[in-house]
PDB file of N, CA and C in Angstrom:
ATOM      1  N   MET A   1     100.847  82.536 103.398  1.00  0.00           N
ATOM      2  CA  MET A   1     101.615  83.754 103.236  1.00  0.00           C
ATOM      3  C   MET A   1     102.467  83.937 104.492  1.00  0.00           C
ATOM      4  N   ASN A   2     103.746  84.263 104.318  1.00  0.00           N
ATOM      5  CA  ASN A   2     104.596  84.363 105.501  1.00  0.00           C
ATOM      6  C   ASN A   2     104.360  85.655 106.267  1.00  0.00           C
ATOM      7  N   THR A   3     104.880  85.698 107.486  1.00  0.00           N
ATOM      8  CA  THR A   3     104.634  86.829 108.383  1.00  0.00           C
ATOM      9  C   THR A   3     105.214  88.122 107.847  1.00  0.00           C
ATOM     10  N   ASN A   4     106.435  88.069 107.279  1.00  0.00           N
ATOM     11  CA  ASN A   4     107.034  89.293 106.733  1.00  0.00           C
ATOM     12  C   ASN A   4     106.166  89.897 105.645  1.00  0.00           C
ATOM     13  N   LEU A   5     105.645  89.044 104.772  1.00  0.00           N
ATOM     14  CA  LEU A   5     104.798  89.554 103.701  1.00  0.00           C
ATOM     15  C   LEU A   5     103.510  90.122 104.265  1.00  0.00           C
ATOM     16  N   LYS A   6     102.942  89.470 105.270  1.00  0.00           N
ATOM     17  CA  LYS A   6     101.725  89.998 105.887  1.00  0.00           C
ATOM     18  C   LYS A   6     101.980  91.376 106.473  1.00  0.00           C
ATOM     19  N   LEU A   7     103.113  91.537 107.146  1.00  0.00           N
ATOM     20  CA  LEU A   7     103.450  92.845 107.704  1.00  0.00           C
ATOM     21  C   LEU A   7     103.610  93.868 106.596  1.00  0.00           C
ATOM     22  N   PHE A   8     104.292  93.469 105.530  1.00  0.00           N
ATOM     23  CA  PHE A   8     104.490  94.376 104.407  1.00  0.00           C
ATOM     24  C   PHE A   8     103.150  94.746 103.772  1.00  0.00           C
ATOM     25  N   LEU A   9     102.305  93.763 103.605  1.00  0.00           N
ATOM     26  CA  LEU A   9     101.027  93.991 102.945  1.00  0.00           C
ATOM     27  C   LEU A   9     100.053  94.771 103.812  1.00  0.00           C
ATOM     28  N   SER A  10     100.293  94.818 105.101  1.00  0.00           N
ATOM     29  CA  SER A  10      99.382  95.546 105.972  1.00  0.00           C
ATOM     30  C   SER A  10      99.798  96.996 106.111  1.00  0.00           C
ATOM     31  N   ALA A  11     100.614  97.504 105.171  1.00  0.00           N
ATOM     32  CA  ALA A  11     101.213  98.791 105.399  1.00  0.00           C
ATOM     33  C   ALA A  11     100.734  99.973 104.597  1.00  0.00           C
ATOM     34  N   LEU A  12     100.247  99.858 103.425  1.00  0.00           N
ATOM     35  CA  LEU A  12      99.965 101.036 102.595  1.00  0.00           C
ATOM     36  C   LEU A  12      98.492 101.404 102.423  1.00  0.00           C
ATOM     37  N   THR A  13      97.553 100.926 103.213  1.00  0.00           N
ATOM     38  CA  THR A  13      96.138 101.125 102.933  1.00  0.00           C
ATOM     39  C   THR A  13      95.411 102.158 103.764  1.00  0.00           C
ATOM     40  N   LEU A  14      95.985 102.652 104.806  1.00  0.00           N
ATOM     41  CA  LEU A  14      95.346 103.693 105.598  1.00  0.00           C
ATOM     42  C   LEU A  14      95.157 104.914 104.708  1.00  0.00           C
ATOM     43  N   ALA A  15      94.571 105.932 105.214  1.00  0.00           N
ATOM     44  CA  ALA A  15      94.358 107.140 104.416  1.00  0.00           C
ATOM     45  C   ALA A  15      95.675 107.837 104.130  1.00  0.00           C
ATOM     46  N   PHE A  16      95.712 108.527 102.999  1.00  0.00           N
ATOM     47  CA  PHE A  16      96.864 109.363 102.691  1.00  0.00           C
ATOM     48  C   PHE A  16      96.790 110.572 103.598  1.00  0.00           C
ATOM     49  N   VAL A  17      97.922 111.064 103.991  1.00  0.00           N
ATOM     50  CA  VAL A  17      97.951 112.206 104.885  1.00  0.00           C
ATOM     51  C   VAL A  17      98.464 113.423 104.144  1.00  0.00           C
ATOM     52  N   SER A  18      98.051 114.587 104.609  1.00  0.00           N
ATOM     53  CA  SER A  18      98.437 115.804 103.910  1.00  0.00           C
ATOM     54  C   SER A  18      99.838 116.256 104.271  1.00  0.00           C
ATOM     55  N   THR A  19     100.329 115.867 105.447  1.00  0.00           N
ATOM     56  CA  THR A  19     101.677 116.275 105.820  1.00  0.00           C
ATOM     57  C   THR A  19     102.652 115.163 105.501  1.00  0.00           C
ATOM     58  N   PRO A  20     103.796 115.501 104.910  1.00  0.00           N
ATOM     59  CA  PRO A  20     104.768 114.470 104.587  1.00  0.00           C
ATOM     60  C   PRO A  20     105.415 113.908 105.845  1.00  0.00           C
ATOM     61  N   VAL A  21     105.785 112.660 105.773  1.00  0.00           N
ATOM     62  CA  VAL A  21     106.505 111.964 106.821  1.00  0.00           C
ATOM     63  C   VAL A  21     105.838 112.160 108.179  1.00  0.00           C
ATOM     64  N   VAL A  22     104.674 111.596 108.309  1.00  0.00           N
ATOM     65  CA  VAL A  22     103.906 111.738 109.539  1.00  0.00           C
ATOM     66  C   VAL A  22     104.467 110.839 110.630  1.00  0.00           C
ATOM     67  N   ALA A  23     104.107 111.135 111.855  1.00  0.00           N
ATOM     68  CA  ALA A  23     104.588 110.363 112.993  1.00  0.00           C
ATOM     69  C   ALA A  23     103.579 109.306 113.409  1.00  0.00           C
ATOM     70  N   GLU A  24     102.747 108.888 112.514  1.00  0.00           N
ATOM     71  CA  GLU A  24     101.762 107.856 112.795  1.00  0.00           C
ATOM     72  C   GLU A  24     101.887 106.786 111.730  1.00  0.00           C
ATOM     73  N   GLN A  25     101.139 105.729 111.865  1.00  0.00           N
ATOM     74  CA  GLN A  25     101.184 104.656 110.885  1.00  0.00           C
ATOM     75  C   GLN A  25     100.413 105.063 109.638  1.00  0.00           C
ATOM     76  N   VAL A  26     101.043 104.888 108.495  1.00  0.00           N
ATOM     77  CA  VAL A  26     100.415 105.204 107.216  1.00  0.00           C
ATOM     78  C   VAL A  26     100.483 103.965 106.343  1.00  0.00           C
ATOM     79  N   THR A  27      99.372 103.620 105.721  1.00  0.00           N
ATOM     80  CA  THR A  27      99.299 102.449 104.863  1.00  0.00           C
ATOM     81  C   THR A  27      98.726 102.844 103.513  1.00  0.00           C
ATOM     82  N   VAL A  28      99.359 102.373 102.435  1.00  0.00           N
ATOM     83  CA  VAL A  28      98.903 102.677 101.082  1.00  0.00           C
ATOM     84  C   VAL A  28      98.810 101.371 100.304  1.00  0.00           C
ATOM     85  N   SER A  29      97.725 101.186  99.585  1.00  0.00           N
ATOM     86  CA  SER A  29      97.513  99.980  98.796  1.00  0.00           C
ATOM     87  C   SER A  29      98.120 100.142  97.407  1.00  0.00           C
ATOM     88  N   VAL A  30      98.742  99.067  96.913  1.00  0.00           N
ATOM     89  CA  VAL A  30      99.361  99.073  95.588  1.00  0.00           C
ATOM     90  C   VAL A  30      98.649  98.029  94.735  1.00  0.00           C
ATOM     91  N   GLU A  31      97.945  98.481  93.708  1.00  0.00           N
ATOM     92  CA  GLU A  31      97.205  97.582  92.818  1.00  0.00           C
ATOM     93  C   GLU A  31      98.176  96.773  91.956  1.00  0.00           C
ATOM     94  N   HIS A  32      97.839  95.507  91.723  1.00  0.00           N
ATOM     95  CA  HIS A  32      98.670  94.697  90.839  1.00  0.00           C
ATOM     96  C   HIS A  32      97.886  93.606  90.118  1.00  0.00           C
ATOM     97  N   ALA A  33      96.574  93.588  90.289  1.00  0.00           N
ATOM     98  CA  ALA A  33      95.769  92.524  89.681  1.00  0.00           C
ATOM     99  C   ALA A  33      95.917  92.488  88.164  1.00  0.00           C
ATOM    100  N   ASP A  34      96.231  93.637  87.559  1.00  0.00           N
ATOM    101  CA  ASP A  34      96.360  93.712  86.110  1.00  0.00           C
ATOM    102  C   ASP A  34      97.759  93.346  85.616  1.00  0.00           C
ATOM    103  N   LEU A  35      98.659  92.971  86.510  1.00  0.00           N
ATOM    104  CA  LEU A  35     100.049  92.697  86.134  1.00  0.00           C
ATOM    105  C   LEU A  35     100.340  91.204  86.091  1.00  0.00           C
ATOM    106  N   ASN A  36     101.193  90.816  85.161  1.00  0.00           N
ATOM    107  CA  ASN A  36     101.713  89.455  85.121  1.00  0.00           C
ATOM    108  C   ASN A  36     103.051  89.476  85.858  1.00  0.00           C
ATOM    109  N   LEU A  37     103.055  89.022  87.090  1.00  0.00           N
ATOM    110  CA  LEU A  37     104.258  89.092  87.911  1.00  0.00           C
ATOM    111  C   LEU A  37     105.228  87.947  87.648  1.00  0.00           C
ATOM    112  N   SER A  38     104.946  87.146  86.628  1.00  0.00           N
ATOM    113  CA  SER A  38     105.875  86.078  86.266  1.00  0.00           C
ATOM    114  C   SER A  38     106.867  86.536  85.202  1.00  0.00           C
ATOM    115  N   ASN A  39     106.749  87.799  84.744  1.00  0.00           N
ATOM    116  CA  ASN A  39     107.732  88.303  83.779  1.00  0.00           C
ATOM    117  C   ASN A  39     108.295  89.648  84.237  1.00  0.00           C
ATOM    118  N   GLU A  40     109.415  90.044  83.645  1.00  0.00           N
ATOM    119  CA  GLU A  40     110.114  91.265  84.066  1.00  0.00           C
ATOM    120  C   GLU A  40     109.300  92.530  83.823  1.00  0.00           C
ATOM    121  N   LYS A  41     108.516  92.557  82.747  1.00  0.00           N
ATOM    122  CA  LYS A  41     107.714  93.755  82.478  1.00  0.00           C
ATOM    123  C   LYS A  41     106.731  93.999  83.625  1.00  0.00           C
ATOM    124  N   GLY A  42     106.077  92.949  84.078  1.00  0.00           N
ATOM    125  CA  GLY A  42     105.145  93.073  85.194  1.00  0.00           C
ATOM    126  C   GLY A  42     105.843  93.482  86.478  1.00  0.00           C
ATOM    127  N   ILE A  43     107.024  92.912  86.717  1.00  0.00           N
ATOM    128  CA  ILE A  43     107.803  93.257  87.912  1.00  0.00           C
ATOM    129  C   ILE A  43     108.231  94.717  87.861  1.00  0.00           C
ATOM    130  N   GLU A  44     108.696  95.182  86.698  1.00  0.00           N
ATOM    131  CA  GLU A  44     109.133  96.580  86.563  1.00  0.00           C
ATOM    132  C   GLU A  44     107.963  97.541  86.782  1.00  0.00           C
ATOM    133  N   THR A  45     106.793  97.185  86.284  1.00  0.00           N
ATOM    134  CA  THR A  45     105.613  98.023  86.502  1.00  0.00           C
ATOM    135  C   THR A  45     105.263  98.065  87.989  1.00  0.00           C
ATOM    136  N   LEU A  46     105.335  96.913  88.647  1.00  0.00           N
ATOM    137  CA  LEU A  46     105.076  96.867  90.090  1.00  0.00           C
ATOM    138  C   LEU A  46     106.094  97.716  90.848  1.00  0.00           C
ATOM    139  N   LYS A  47     107.367  97.662  90.439  1.00  0.00           N
ATOM    140  CA  LYS A  47     108.394  98.501  91.077  1.00  0.00           C
ATOM    141  C   LYS A  47     108.017  99.975  90.984  1.00  0.00           C
ATOM    142  N   GLY A  48     107.557 100.394  89.807  1.00  0.00           N
ATOM    143  CA  GLY A  48     107.144 101.786  89.632  1.00  0.00           C
ATOM    144  C   GLY A  48     105.987 102.152  90.545  1.00  0.00           C
ATOM    145  N   ARG A  49     105.036 101.252  90.671  1.00  0.00           N
ATOM    146  CA  ARG A  49     103.890 101.512  91.548  1.00  0.00           C
ATOM    147  C   ARG A  49     104.318 101.560  93.011  1.00  0.00           C
ATOM    148  N   LEU A  50     105.211 100.668  93.399  1.00  0.00           N
ATOM    149  CA  LEU A  50     105.714 100.684  94.773  1.00  0.00           C
ATOM    150  C   LEU A  50     106.469 101.978  95.053  1.00  0.00           C
ATOM    151  N   ASN A  51     107.289 102.426  94.090  1.00  0.00           N
ATOM    152  CA  ASN A  51     108.008 103.695  94.267  1.00  0.00           C
ATOM    153  C   ASN A  51     107.045 104.865  94.403  1.00  0.00           C
ATOM    154  N   GLY A  52     105.971 104.862  93.617  1.00  0.00           N
ATOM    155  CA  GLY A  52     104.959 105.911  93.742  1.00  0.00           C
ATOM    156  C   GLY A  52     104.300 105.897  95.112  1.00  0.00           C
ATOM    157  N   ALA A  53     104.015 104.697  95.603  1.00  0.00           N
ATOM    158  CA  ALA A  53     103.409 104.571  96.934  1.00  0.00           C
ATOM    159  C   ALA A  53     104.371 105.060  98.016  1.00  0.00           C
ATOM    160  N   ILE A  54     105.640 104.736  97.866  1.00  0.00           N
ATOM    161  CA  ILE A  54     106.647 105.202  98.828  1.00  0.00           C
ATOM    162  C   ILE A  54     106.691 106.718  98.840  1.00  0.00           C
ATOM    163  N   ASN A  55     106.647 107.332  97.669  1.00  0.00           N
ATOM    164  CA  ASN A  55     106.655 108.798  97.592  1.00  0.00           C
ATOM    165  C   ASN A  55     105.420 109.401  98.253  1.00  0.00           C
ATOM    166  N   ARG A  56     104.274 108.740  98.103  1.00  0.00           N
ATOM    167  CA  ARG A  56     103.052 109.254  98.741  1.00  0.00           C
ATOM    168  C   ARG A  56     103.144 109.159 100.263  1.00  0.00           C
ATOM    169  N   VAL A  57     103.692 108.067 100.748  1.00  0.00           N
ATOM    170  CA  VAL A  57     103.799 107.876 102.193  1.00  0.00           C
ATOM    171  C   VAL A  57     104.841 108.808 102.800  1.00  0.00           C
ATOM    172  N   CYS A  58     105.981 108.933 102.146  1.00  0.00           N
ATOM    173  CA  CYS A  58     107.110 109.670 102.729  1.00  0.00           C
ATOM    174  C   CYS A  58     107.100 111.149 102.391  1.00  0.00           C
ATOM    175  N   GLY A  59     106.223 111.568 101.516  1.00  0.00           N
ATOM    176  CA  GLY A  59     106.141 112.980 101.170  1.00  0.00           C
ATOM    177  C   GLY A  59     107.018 113.331  99.987  1.00  0.00           C
ATOM    178  N   PRO A  60     106.748 114.469  99.374  1.00  0.00           N
ATOM    179  CA  PRO A  60     107.498 114.882  98.191  1.00  0.00           C
ATOM    180  C   PRO A  60     108.913 115.325  98.553  1.00  0.00           C
ATOM    181  N   VAL A  61     109.783 115.226  97.574  1.00  0.00           N
ATOM    182  CA  VAL A  61     111.137 115.747  97.750  1.00  0.00           C
ATOM    183  C   VAL A  61     111.066 117.234  97.472  1.00  0.00           C
ATOM    184  N   GLY A  62     111.600 118.029  98.345  1.00  0.00           N
ATOM    185  CA  GLY A  62     111.536 119.472  98.154  1.00  0.00           C
ATOM    186  C   GLY A  62     112.130 120.188  99.343  1.00  0.00           C
ATOM    187  N   PHE A  63     111.787 121.438  99.468  1.00  0.00           N
ATOM    188  CA  PHE A  63     112.329 122.252 100.547  1.00  0.00           C
ATOM    189  C   PHE A  63     111.649 121.879 101.860  1.00  0.00           C
ATOM    190  N   ARG A  64     112.469 121.476 102.826  1.00  0.00           N
ATOM    191  CA  ARG A  64     111.964 121.083 104.133  1.00  0.00           C
ATOM    192  C   ARG A  64     112.997 121.417 105.194  1.00  0.00           C
ATOM    193  N   SER A  65     112.570 121.260 106.424  1.00  0.00           N
ATOM    194  CA  SER A  65     113.506 121.436 107.536  1.00  0.00           C
ATOM    195  C   SER A  65     114.444 120.228 107.594  1.00  0.00           C
ATOM    196  N   VAL A  66     115.515 120.362 108.335  1.00  0.00           N
ATOM    197  CA  VAL A  66     116.468 119.268 108.497  1.00  0.00           C
ATOM    198  C   VAL A  66     115.772 118.049 109.101  1.00  0.00           C
ATOM    199  N   THR A  67     114.903 118.265 110.060  1.00  0.00           N
ATOM    200  CA  THR A  67     114.170 117.165 110.691  1.00  0.00           C
ATOM    201  C   THR A  67     113.281 116.453 109.685  1.00  0.00           C
ATOM    202  N   GLN A  68     112.577 117.209 108.857  1.00  0.00           N
ATOM    203  CA  GLN A  68     111.706 116.601 107.842  1.00  0.00           C
ATOM    204  C   GLN A  68     112.522 115.817 106.819  1.00  0.00           C
ATOM    205  N   ILE A  69     113.664 116.345 106.428  1.00  0.00           N
ATOM    206  CA  ILE A  69     114.529 115.639 105.475  1.00  0.00           C
ATOM    207  C   ILE A  69     114.999 114.321 106.081  1.00  0.00           C
ATOM    208  N   TYR A  70     115.426 114.351 107.340  1.00  0.00           N
ATOM    209  CA  TYR A  70     115.872 113.135 108.027  1.00  0.00           C
ATOM    210  C   TYR A  70     114.749 112.099 108.081  1.00  0.00           C
ATOM    211  N   ARG A  71     113.562 112.531 108.480  1.00  0.00           N
ATOM    212  CA  ARG A  71     112.424 111.599 108.577  1.00  0.00           C
ATOM    213  C   ARG A  71     112.047 111.030 107.214  1.00  0.00           C
ATOM    214  N   ALA A  72     112.080 111.866 106.186  1.00  0.00           N
ATOM    215  CA  ALA A  72     111.745 111.397 104.840  1.00  0.00           C
ATOM    216  C   ALA A  72     112.750 110.349 104.369  1.00  0.00           C
ATOM    217  N   ARG A  73     114.020 110.580 104.618  1.00  0.00           N
ATOM    218  CA  ARG A  73     115.051 109.604 104.220  1.00  0.00           C
ATOM    219  C   ARG A  73     114.879 108.290 104.969  1.00  0.00           C
ATOM    220  N   LYS A  74     114.602 108.379 106.255  1.00  0.00           N
ATOM    221  CA  LYS A  74     114.383 107.171 107.054  1.00  0.00           C
ATOM    222  C   LYS A  74     113.158 106.412 106.544  1.00  0.00           C
ATOM    223  N   CYS A  75     112.099 107.143 106.257  1.00  0.00           N
ATOM    224  CA  CYS A  75     110.871 106.552 105.716  1.00  0.00           C
ATOM    225  C   CYS A  75     111.162 105.831 104.404  1.00  0.00           C
ATOM    226  N   ARG A  76     111.850 106.499 103.486  1.00  0.00           N
ATOM    227  CA  ARG A  76     112.164 105.906 102.184  1.00  0.00           C
ATOM    228  C   ARG A  76     113.044 104.662 102.332  1.00  0.00           C
ATOM    229  N   ARG A  77     114.053 104.722 103.192  1.00  0.00           N
ATOM    230  CA  ARG A  77     114.923 103.553 103.406  1.00  0.00           C
ATOM    231  C   ARG A  77     114.114 102.366 103.917  1.00  0.00           C
ATOM    232  N   THR A  78     113.255 102.614 104.889  1.00  0.00           N
ATOM    233  CA  THR A  78     112.448 101.546 105.477  1.00  0.00           C
ATOM    234  C   THR A  78     111.536 100.912 104.436  1.00  0.00           C
ATOM    235  N   LEU A  79     110.834 101.740 103.677  1.00  0.00           N
ATOM    236  CA  LEU A  79     109.875 101.208 102.706  1.00  0.00           C
ATOM    237  C   LEU A  79     110.561 100.584 101.499  1.00  0.00           C
ATOM    238  N   ARG A  80     111.693 101.123 101.079  1.00  0.00           N
ATOM    239  CA  ARG A  80     112.426 100.501  99.961  1.00  0.00           C
ATOM    240  C   ARG A  80     112.947  99.128 100.364  1.00  0.00           C
ATOM    241  N   ARG A  81     113.365  98.988 101.608  1.00  0.00           N
ATOM    242  CA  ARG A  81     113.807  97.681 102.098  1.00  0.00           C
ATOM    243  C   ARG A  81     112.632  96.694 102.059  1.00  0.00           C
ATOM    244  N   GLN A  82     111.449  97.129 102.485  1.00  0.00           N
ATOM    245  CA  GLN A  82     110.255  96.273 102.424  1.00  0.00           C
ATOM    246  C   GLN A  82     109.948  95.890 100.981  1.00  0.00           C
ATOM    247  N   ALA A  83     110.038  96.859 100.075  1.00  0.00           N
ATOM    248  CA  ALA A  83     109.736  96.601  98.664  1.00  0.00           C
ATOM    249  C   ALA A  83     110.733  95.604  98.075  1.00  0.00           C
ATOM    250  N   ARG A  84     112.019  95.758  98.379  1.00  0.00           N
ATOM    251  CA  ARG A  84     113.032  94.813  97.879  1.00  0.00           C
ATOM    252  C   ARG A  84     112.755  93.401  98.384  1.00  0.00           C
ATOM    253  N   MET A  85     112.370  93.272  99.653  1.00  0.00           N
ATOM    254  CA  MET A  85     112.058  91.951 100.209  1.00  0.00           C
ATOM    255  C   MET A  85     110.862  91.336  99.491  1.00  0.00           C
ATOM    256  N   LEU A  86     109.832  92.135  99.256  1.00  0.00           N
ATOM    257  CA  LEU A  86     108.650  91.636  98.565  1.00  0.00           C
ATOM    258  C   LEU A  86     109.004  91.191  97.151  1.00  0.00           C
ATOM    259  N   LEU A  87     109.739  92.021  96.410  1.00  0.00           N
ATOM    260  CA  LEU A  87     110.113  91.680  95.039  1.00  0.00           C
ATOM    261  C   LEU A  87     110.981  90.429  95.003  1.00  0.00           C
ATOM    262  N   SER A  88     111.850  90.271  95.964  1.00  0.00           N
ATOM    263  CA  SER A  88     112.683  89.074  96.052  1.00  0.00           C
ATOM    264  C   SER A  88     111.823  87.834  96.272  1.00  0.00           C
ATOM    265  N   GLU A  89     110.834  87.948  97.132  1.00  0.00           N
ATOM    266  CA  GLU A  89     109.937  86.818  97.382  1.00  0.00           C
ATOM    267  C   GLU A  89     109.091  86.500  96.155  1.00  0.00           C
ATOM    268  N   ILE A  90     108.657  87.518  95.430  1.00  0.00           N
ATOM    269  CA  ILE A  90     107.882  87.289  94.204  1.00  0.00           C
ATOM    270  C   ILE A  90     108.741  86.554  93.187  1.00  0.00           C
ATOM    271  N   ARG A  91     109.966  87.037  92.987  1.00  0.00           N
ATOM    272  CA  ARG A  91     110.869  86.402  92.016  1.00  0.00           C
ATOM    273  C   ARG A  91     111.199  84.967  92.408  1.00  0.00           C
ATOM    274  N   GLY A  92     111.279  84.705  93.695  1.00  0.00           N
ATOM    275  CA  GLY A  92     111.585  83.362  94.166  1.00  0.00           C
ATOM    276  C   GLY A  92     110.380  82.437  94.189  1.00  0.00           C
ATOM    277  N   GLY A  93     109.205  82.977  93.858  1.00  0.00           N
ATOM    278  CA  GLY A  93     107.991  82.171  93.859  1.00  0.00           C
ATOM    279  C   GLY A  93     107.498  81.834  95.254  1.00  0.00           C
ATOM    280  N   ASN A  94     107.929  82.608  96.243  1.00  0.00           N
ATOM    281  CA  ASN A  94     107.578  82.317  97.634  1.00  0.00           C
ATOM    282  C   ASN A  94     106.373  83.098  98.134  1.00  0.00           C
ATOM    283  N   VAL A  95     105.615  83.704  97.228  1.00  0.00           N
ATOM    284  CA  VAL A  95     104.526  84.575  97.649  1.00  0.00           C
ATOM    285  C   VAL A  95     103.204  84.048  97.118  1.00  0.00           C
ATOM    286  N   ALA A  96     102.242  83.921  98.016  1.00  0.00           N
ATOM    287  CA  ALA A  96     100.871  83.699  97.585  1.00  0.00           C
ATOM    288  C   ALA A  96     100.322  85.094  97.313  1.00  0.00           C
ATOM    289  N   ILE A  97     100.076  85.404  96.054  1.00  0.00           N
ATOM    290  CA  ILE A  97      99.736  86.763  95.653  1.00  0.00           C
ATOM    291  C   ILE A  97      98.385  87.177  96.222  1.00  0.00           C
ATOM    292  N   ALA A  98      98.393  88.286  96.934  1.00  0.00           N
ATOM    293  CA  ALA A  98      97.163  88.878  97.461  1.00  0.00           C
ATOM    294  C   ALA A  98      96.563  89.773  96.388  1.00  0.00           C
ATOM    295  N   SER A  99      95.358  90.275  96.616  1.00  0.00           N
ATOM    296  CA  SER A  99      94.725  91.135  95.616  1.00  0.00           C
ATOM    297  C   SER A  99      95.433  92.468  95.492  1.00  0.00           C
ATOM    298  N   ASN A 100      95.974  92.978  96.582  1.00  0.00           N
ATOM    299  CA  ASN A 100      96.752  94.214  96.578  1.00  0.00           C
ATOM    300  C   ASN A 100      97.947  94.027  97.489  1.00  0.00           C
ATOM    301  N   PHE A 101      99.025  94.706  97.158  1.00  0.00           N
ATOM    302  CA  PHE A 101     100.154  94.774  98.071  1.00  0.00           C
ATOM    303  C   PHE A 101     100.005  96.056  98.851  1.00  0.00           C
ATOM    304  N   GLU A 102     100.467  96.047 100.056  1.00  0.00           N
ATOM    305  CA  GLU A 102     100.414  97.252 100.876  1.00  0.00           C
ATOM    306  C   GLU A 102     101.779  97.469 101.498  1.00  0.00           C
ATOM    307  N   ILE A 103     102.145  98.739 101.618  1.00  0.00           N
ATOM    308  CA  ILE A 103     103.359  99.061 102.346  1.00  0.00           C
ATOM    309  C   ILE A 103     102.978  99.974 103.493  1.00  0.00           C
ATOM    310  N   GLU A 104     103.752  99.892 104.554  1.00  0.00           N
ATOM    311  CA  GLU A 104     103.394 100.613 105.776  1.00  0.00           C
ATOM    312  C   GLU A 104     104.608 101.298 106.361  1.00  0.00           C
ATOM    313  N   TYR A 105     104.362 102.459 106.911  1.00  0.00           N
ATOM    314  CA  TYR A 105     105.420 103.163 107.630  1.00  0.00           C
ATOM    315  C   TYR A 105     104.849 103.727 108.911  1.00  0.00           C
ATOM    316  N   ARG A 106     105.553 103.467 109.975  1.00  0.00           N
ATOM    317  CA  ARG A 106     105.187 104.036 111.275  1.00  0.00           C
ATOM    318  C   ARG A 106     106.330 104.947 111.686  1.00  0.00           C
ATOM    319  N   GLY A 107     106.097 106.255 111.581  1.00  0.00           N
ATOM    320  CA  GLY A 107     107.163 107.227 111.847  1.00  0.00           C
ATOM    321  C   GLY A 107     107.313 107.555 113.292  1.00  0.00           C
TER     322      GLY A 107
END
């Protein structure tokens, strides 16, 4: 497994936090053992799960201060970039599939 994927996978498994867009490292695990990642249906389901994990890490969209909005956007951009890289590697067959994918954000 390459280093980028290891970094990506080491990101989403820490505890969920009650405050959105925290200033510490947050990791959330994304289940995929039940998915067939060799077809588009499985990939689309994984995308949905990754988006849900991103929302949990970065906090809900809603009324916030300007600082919180900025941090949430930065968090989402960072994690979406990680998710796109992972999906690209899966589609290219360059990934040794782990039991769970993880995404991480350090705010």
